[in-house]
Amino acid sequence: MSEPTIRLEGVEYLERVRCEVSLEPRFDEAAFAAAFDRFRQLFNVAPLQAACSADVLFRLDELAADRGDRFETFVRHSGVPLYAAILPPGSLVLEGEVDEDRMGDW
């Protein structure tokens, strides 16, 4: 028999979630946005942060230059901070937190 769960009133219990996406070398902005949409559809919540391999950040810089934008030191996509991480080429790792009650029956 399992122990009953004890919860404090007004305290949320969050589960850390993560989704790894592999992008093509010459991905476009639509493919990058689709990765974020996939995370939202999968977990029903926006990601809190995104780790990118170096080539993904370089490609984002190219896309920004094509639009005439300046690549900023602190990069964000849809308000989500992106940061460089040691990952395989083309990798994007989206991370977030999901309320236990909103997770569903996975």
Protein backbone atom coordinates (compact mmCIF):
# COMPACT_ATOMS: atom_id res chain seq x y z
CA MET A 1 0.00 0.00 0.00
CA SER A 2 1.39 3.39 -0.98
CA GLU A 3 1.70 6.25 1.44
CA PRO A 4 -0.76 9.14 1.02
CA THR A 5 0.62 12.29 -0.55
CA ILE A 6 0.80 15.20 1.85
CA ARG A 7 0.65 18.64 0.29
CA LEU A 8 0.88 22.10 1.76
CA GLU A 9 -1.88 24.48 0.78
CA GLY A 10 -0.88 27.02 -1.84
CA VAL A 11 2.37 25.24 -2.74
CA GLU A 12 2.79 24.07 -6.33
CA TYR A 13 4.59 20.85 -7.11
CA LEU A 14 6.50 21.13 -10.34
CA GLU A 15 8.09 18.44 -12.45
CA ARG A 16 11.18 19.32 -14.50
CA VAL A 17 10.68 18.39 -18.15
CA ARG A 18 13.03 18.43 -21.10
CA CYS A 19 12.74 17.90 -24.83
CA GLU A 20 15.73 17.36 -27.12
CA VAL A 21 15.40 18.43 -30.76
CA SER A 22 17.82 17.84 -33.61
CA LEU A 23 17.86 20.63 -36.20
CA GLU A 24 19.16 20.45 -39.76
CA PRO A 25 22.40 22.42 -40.38
CA ARG A 26 20.65 25.10 -42.49
CA PHE A 27 17.44 25.29 -40.44
CA ASP A 28 15.21 28.34 -40.87
CA GLU A 29 13.29 30.40 -38.34
CA ALA A 30 10.13 28.36 -38.93
CA ALA A 31 11.93 25.12 -37.98
CA PHE A 32 13.31 26.74 -34.85
CA ALA A 33 9.85 28.04 -33.87
CA ALA A 34 8.36 24.59 -34.59
CA ALA A 35 10.65 23.08 -31.94
CA PHE A 36 9.23 25.50 -29.36
CA ASP A 37 5.68 24.72 -30.50
CA ARG A 38 6.36 21.00 -30.15
CA PHE A 39 7.46 21.51 -26.55
CA ARG A 40 4.29 23.52 -25.81
CA GLN A 41 2.10 20.83 -27.37
CA LEU A 42 3.89 18.02 -25.57
CA PHE A 43 3.88 19.55 -22.08
CA ASN A 44 1.16 22.23 -22.31
CA VAL A 45 3.58 24.85 -21.00
CA ALA A 46 6.18 27.20 -22.47
CA PRO A 47 9.85 26.31 -21.95
CA LEU A 48 11.79 28.28 -19.35
CA GLN A 49 15.17 28.01 -21.07
CA ALA A 50 16.85 26.46 -24.08
CA ALA A 51 20.35 25.02 -24.39
CA CYS A 52 21.85 25.22 -27.89
CA SER A 53 24.89 23.68 -29.49
CA ALA A 54 27.36 26.24 -30.82
CA ASP A 55 26.35 25.68 -34.46
CA VAL A 56 22.69 26.40 -33.62
CA LEU A 57 23.66 29.73 -32.07
CA PHE A 58 25.84 30.56 -35.10
CA ARG A 59 22.92 29.76 -37.41
CA LEU A 60 20.62 32.00 -35.35
CA ASP A 61 23.21 34.75 -35.77
CA GLU A 62 23.14 34.22 -39.55
CA LEU A 63 19.34 34.41 -39.60
CA ALA A 64 19.40 37.61 -37.53
CA ALA A 65 21.97 39.14 -39.91
CA ASP A 66 19.79 38.23 -42.91
CA ARG A 67 16.96 40.22 -41.31
CA GLY A 68 19.33 43.10 -40.60
CA ASP A 69 19.11 42.53 -36.85
CA ARG A 70 22.06 42.67 -34.53
CA PHE A 71 22.84 39.48 -32.63
CA GLU A 72 22.59 40.33 -28.93
CA THR A 73 24.78 39.03 -26.13
CA PHE A 74 21.73 37.65 -24.36
CA VAL A 75 19.68 35.79 -26.92
CA ARG A 76 15.99 35.04 -26.46
CA HIS A 77 13.30 33.37 -28.54
CA SER A 78 9.70 34.12 -27.57
CA GLY A 79 11.02 35.44 -24.26
CA VAL A 80 12.89 32.20 -23.49
CA PRO A 81 16.63 32.62 -22.80
CA LEU A 82 18.96 30.63 -25.04
CA TYR A 83 22.40 29.62 -23.86
CA ALA A 84 25.35 27.74 -25.31
CA ALA A 85 25.98 24.22 -24.09
CA ILE A 86 28.27 21.37 -25.03
CA LEU A 87 25.87 19.33 -27.14
CA PRO A 88 26.04 17.36 -30.38
CA PRO A 89 25.83 19.54 -33.52
CA GLY A 90 22.32 20.72 -34.35
CA SER A 91 21.01 20.12 -30.84
CA LEU A 92 18.44 22.20 -29.04
CA VAL A 93 17.34 21.20 -25.54
CA LEU A 94 14.20 22.87 -24.22
CA GLU A 95 13.57 22.73 -20.49
CA GLY A 96 10.64 23.75 -18.35
CA GLU A 97 8.47 22.92 -15.37
CA VAL A 98 5.02 21.39 -15.40
CA ASP A 99 2.49 21.53 -12.60
CA GLU A 100 1.81 17.99 -11.41
CA ASP A 101 -1.94 18.46 -11.81
CA ARG A 102 -1.59 19.68 -15.43
CA MET A 103 0.72 16.86 -16.56
CA GLY A 104 -2.02 14.39 -17.42
CA ASP A 105 -1.70 10.64 -17.50
CA TRP A 106 1.57 10.02 -19.30
